[in-house]
Protein backbone atom coordinates (compact mmCIF):
# COMPACT_ATOMS: atom_id res chain seq x y z
CA MET A 1 74.00 -14.68 22.55
CA SER A 2 75.95 -11.66 21.34
CA ASP A 3 77.93 -9.56 23.83
CA GLN A 4 75.87 -6.48 22.93
CA ALA A 5 72.83 -5.95 20.75
CA GLY A 6 74.03 -6.13 17.15
CA ALA A 7 77.60 -7.09 18.12
CA PRO A 8 78.34 -10.78 17.43
CA THR A 9 80.82 -12.58 19.65
CA ALA A 10 83.96 -14.29 18.36
CA ALA A 11 82.14 -17.64 18.44
CA VAL A 12 81.66 -17.83 14.67
CA ALA A 13 85.31 -17.02 13.99
CA GLU A 14 86.34 -19.66 16.53
CA PHE A 15 84.10 -22.21 14.83
CA VAL A 16 85.69 -21.49 11.45
CA THR A 17 89.12 -22.04 13.05
CA VAL A 18 87.91 -25.35 14.50
CA MET A 19 86.62 -26.49 11.10
CA ARG A 20 89.89 -25.55 9.40
CA ARG A 21 91.80 -27.67 11.91
CA LEU A 22 89.40 -30.58 11.56
CA ARG A 23 89.74 -30.37 7.80
CA ALA A 24 93.54 -30.47 8.16
CA GLU A 25 93.80 -33.20 10.81
CA CYS A 26 90.67 -35.41 10.61
CA PRO A 27 91.00 -38.14 7.93
CA TRP A 28 87.24 -38.37 7.33
CA LYS A 29 86.79 -34.63 6.93
CA GLN A 30 89.81 -34.43 4.63
CA GLU A 31 88.08 -36.79 2.20
CA GLN A 32 84.83 -34.83 1.96
CA THR A 33 83.84 -32.76 -1.07
CA HIS A 34 80.94 -30.45 -1.84
CA ARG A 35 79.18 -33.38 -3.50
CA SER A 36 79.82 -35.93 -0.74
CA LEU A 37 78.35 -33.53 1.84
CA VAL A 38 75.05 -33.05 -0.01
CA ARG A 39 73.28 -35.87 1.84
CA TYR A 40 74.26 -34.40 5.20
CA LEU A 41 73.11 -30.93 4.19
CA ILE A 42 69.70 -32.33 3.25
CA GLU A 43 69.45 -34.42 6.43
CA GLU A 44 70.37 -31.49 8.66
CA ALA A 45 67.88 -29.23 6.91
CA TYR A 46 65.07 -31.68 7.56
CA GLU A 47 66.15 -32.21 11.17
CA THR A 48 66.04 -28.43 11.62
CA VAL A 49 62.50 -28.37 10.24
CA ASP A 50 61.51 -31.01 12.81
CA ALA A 51 63.14 -28.97 15.57
CA ILE A 52 61.19 -25.89 14.48
CA ASP A 53 57.93 -27.86 14.71
CA GLU A 54 58.89 -29.12 18.17
CA ALA A 55 59.91 -25.67 19.37
CA GLU A 56 56.71 -24.05 18.16
CA THR A 57 54.51 -26.70 19.79
CA GLY A 58 56.53 -27.64 22.88
CA GLY A 59 58.88 -24.72 23.44
CA ASP A 60 62.11 -26.75 23.09
CA TYR A 61 64.23 -23.96 21.66
CA ASP A 62 67.47 -25.48 22.96
CA HIS A 63 66.97 -28.34 20.52
CA LEU A 64 66.34 -25.85 17.73
CA ALA A 65 69.58 -24.04 18.58
CA GLU A 66 71.42 -27.37 18.44
CA GLU A 67 69.98 -28.27 15.04
CA LEU A 68 70.74 -24.81 13.67
CA GLY A 69 74.32 -25.40 14.81
CA ASP A 70 74.42 -28.65 12.82
CA LEU A 71 73.10 -26.77 9.80
CA LEU A 72 75.72 -24.06 10.32
CA LEU A 73 78.33 -26.81 10.38
CA GLN A 74 77.38 -27.72 6.83
CA VAL A 75 77.61 -24.11 5.64
CA VAL A 76 81.02 -23.58 7.24
CA PHE A 77 82.28 -26.99 6.03
CA HIS A 78 81.46 -26.07 2.43
CA ALA A 79 83.04 -22.63 2.89
CA VAL A 80 86.27 -24.13 4.26
CA ILE A 81 86.49 -26.57 1.34
CA ALA A 82 85.99 -23.68 -1.08
CA GLU A 83 88.58 -21.62 0.81
CA GLU A 84 91.17 -24.36 0.31
CA ARG A 85 90.44 -24.36 -3.42
CA GLY A 86 90.69 -20.59 -3.65
CA ASP A 87 87.06 -20.31 -4.77
CA PHE A 88 85.56 -18.30 -1.89
CA ASP A 89 85.45 -18.24 1.91
CA LEU A 90 82.84 -17.68 4.62
CA ASP A 91 83.39 -13.92 4.53
CA ASP A 92 82.56 -13.96 0.79
CA VAL A 93 79.38 -15.89 1.56
CA ALA A 94 78.39 -13.39 4.25
CA ARG A 95 79.25 -10.36 2.11
CA GLY A 96 77.27 -11.77 -0.79
CA ILE A 97 74.09 -12.42 1.19
CA THR A 98 74.40 -9.06 2.98
CA ALA A 99 74.62 -7.23 -0.34
CA LYS A 100 71.65 -9.22 -1.65
CA MET A 101 69.53 -8.31 1.37
CA ARG A 102 70.32 -4.63 0.87
CA ARG A 103 69.47 -4.77 -2.86
CA ARG A 104 66.26 -6.69 -2.42
CA ASN A 105 64.94 -4.65 0.51
CA PRO A 106 65.09 -1.05 -0.75
CA HIS A 107 62.13 -0.17 1.50
CA VAL A 108 64.48 -0.76 4.46
CA PHE A 109 67.95 0.15 3.17
CA GLY A 110 67.14 2.61 0.38
CA SER A 111 65.19 5.81 -0.06
CA ASP A 112 62.03 3.83 -0.79
CA GLU A 113 58.80 3.97 1.20
CA ALA A 114 58.96 3.32 4.91
CA VAL A 115 58.40 -0.27 6.00
CA GLU A 116 55.05 0.50 7.61
CA GLU A 117 53.70 1.82 4.29
CA LEU A 118 54.07 -1.54 2.57
CA THR A 119 52.20 -4.78 3.18
CA ALA A 120 54.02 -8.10 3.40
CA GLU A 121 52.54 -9.02 0.00
CA GLN A 122 53.88 -5.82 -1.58
CA VAL A 123 57.33 -6.45 -0.12
CA ASP A 124 57.32 -9.97 -1.60
CA GLU A 125 56.23 -8.66 -5.02
CA ARG A 126 59.10 -6.16 -5.03
CA TRP A 127 61.54 -8.86 -3.95
CA GLN A 128 60.44 -11.07 -6.84
CA ARG A 129 60.75 -8.23 -9.36
CA ILE A 130 64.27 -7.37 -8.22
CA LYS A 131 65.19 -11.06 -8.21
CA ALA A 132 63.91 -11.46 -11.78
CA VAL A 133 66.09 -8.55 -12.97
CA GLU A 134 69.16 -9.92 -11.17
CA ARG A 135 68.67 -13.39 -12.64
CA THR A 136 68.22 -12.27 -16.25
CA GLY A 137 70.03 -14.76 -18.46
CA ARG A 138 70.44 -17.31 -15.67
CA PRO A 139 68.56 -20.64 -15.53
CA GLU A 140 65.29 -20.57 -13.60
CA ASP A 141 64.81 -24.31 -13.19
CA LEU A 142 63.42 -25.39 -9.85
CA PRO A 143 65.62 -27.79 -7.84
CA SER A 144 64.66 -31.36 -8.73
CA ALA A 145 65.19 -32.49 -5.12
CA LEU A 146 62.36 -30.34 -3.75
CA PRO A 147 59.63 -32.27 -1.90
CA ALA A 148 56.66 -32.83 -4.21
CA LEU A 149 54.24 -30.53 -2.34
CA LEU A 150 56.75 -27.69 -2.23
CA TYR A 151 57.62 -28.25 -5.89
CA ALA A 152 53.94 -28.11 -6.87
CA ASP A 153 53.45 -24.95 -4.82
CA LYS A 154 56.37 -23.19 -6.51
CA VAL A 155 55.17 -24.24 -9.97
CA LEU A 156 51.76 -22.74 -9.22
CA VAL A 157 53.42 -19.54 -7.98
CA ARG A 158 55.24 -19.24 -11.29
CA ARG A 159 52.01 -19.83 -13.20
CA ASP A 160 50.35 -17.01 -11.29
CA ARG A 161 53.24 -14.62 -11.93
CA SER A 162 53.24 -15.50 -15.62
CA GLY A 163 49.61 -14.44 -15.92
CA LEU A 164 48.38 -17.91 -16.80
CA PRO A 165 44.76 -18.74 -15.93
CA PRO A 166 44.06 -20.42 -12.57
CA LEU A 167 44.38 -24.18 -12.51
CA PRO A 168 40.99 -25.81 -13.26
CA ALA A 169 39.49 -27.59 -10.28
CA ALA A 170 40.21 -31.31 -10.14
CA GLY A 171 37.28 -33.66 -10.43
CA PRO A 172 36.57 -37.16 -9.07
CA GLY A 173 37.58 -38.65 -12.41
CA ASP A 174 41.07 -37.13 -12.34
CA ASP A 175 44.03 -39.25 -11.26
CA LEU A 176 45.46 -38.96 -7.77
CA GLY A 177 48.33 -36.70 -8.81
CA ARG A 178 45.98 -34.20 -10.44
CA ARG A 179 43.73 -34.19 -7.37
CA LEU A 180 46.72 -33.60 -5.11
CA LEU A 181 47.78 -30.72 -7.33
CA GLY A 182 44.26 -29.34 -6.99
CA LEU A 183 44.61 -29.46 -3.20
CA VAL A 184 47.88 -27.53 -3.43
CA ALA A 185 46.10 -24.90 -5.54
CA GLU A 186 43.31 -24.81 -2.95
CA ALA A 187 45.87 -24.28 -0.18
CA ARG A 188 47.52 -21.45 -2.10
CA ALA A 189 44.17 -19.74 -2.60
CA ALA A 190 43.57 -19.97 1.15
CA GLY A 191 47.03 -18.66 2.00
CA VAL A 192 48.09 -21.98 3.53
CA ASP A 193 51.49 -23.63 3.13
CA PRO A 194 50.52 -27.14 1.92
CA GLU A 195 53.82 -28.69 3.01
CA GLN A 196 53.46 -27.40 6.57
CA ALA A 197 49.75 -28.21 6.68
CA LEU A 198 50.43 -31.86 5.86
CA ARG A 199 53.31 -32.00 8.35
CA ASP A 200 51.03 -30.61 11.07
CA ALA A 201 48.31 -33.14 10.23
CA VAL A 202 50.73 -36.09 10.33
CA ARG A 203 52.26 -34.84 13.57
CA ALA A 204 48.79 -34.59 15.13
CA LEU A 205 48.08 -38.14 13.93
CA ASP A 206 51.27 -39.37 15.62
CA VAL A 207 50.27 -37.69 18.86
CA ARG A 208 46.84 -39.36 18.80
CA ASP A 209 48.52 -42.72 18.11
CA GLU A 210 50.81 -42.27 21.11
CA LYS A 211 47.84 -41.47 23.34
CA GLY A 212 45.81 -44.39 22.00
CA GLU A 213 43.00 -42.09 20.88
CA ASP A 214 40.47 -43.10 18.25
CA ARG A 215 40.50 -41.22 15.01
């Protein structure tokens, strides 16, 4: 925890110092590159997602804090590698995201309407408009490594924002992929995150299996 509300401790600076030393003195860490660390970044992200599910259902927030630390390790590791190359450092990363948050939240940091006058949906719409202006001329391709359900959801979001007609309902004669896409569209219409919904369903199935319950 911070020493005072809004005043971070020196823990983050100490961690950066530790990572710099490990990078200088640990043979394995010396060999790592941005590319070689990708697999660990992905693994830690997924482990953090699992820890969030566990914390929200069982209250194990210590485990979540641990997994967030592992995820922070990946961020700092990449920043230290970039620092050695003269590309950027962790302060640059923090300054960049801070500036982005200020730009994309004018209802909080600007002279825009007060927060209570906007709905969450309106805030998201404004965020997307500002993002679109900032990214003019830059590629808008979705990451190819996204899980299929999340990828489908984002594609449907883009269709909606482009003014394209709603996806036609899938029928019994459609192939499995098209029917799954129809379920993602159904989830979006209901305001449900399809990725999380499936994770919750599988987790509940695992629990029933452990208890020997019939399904």
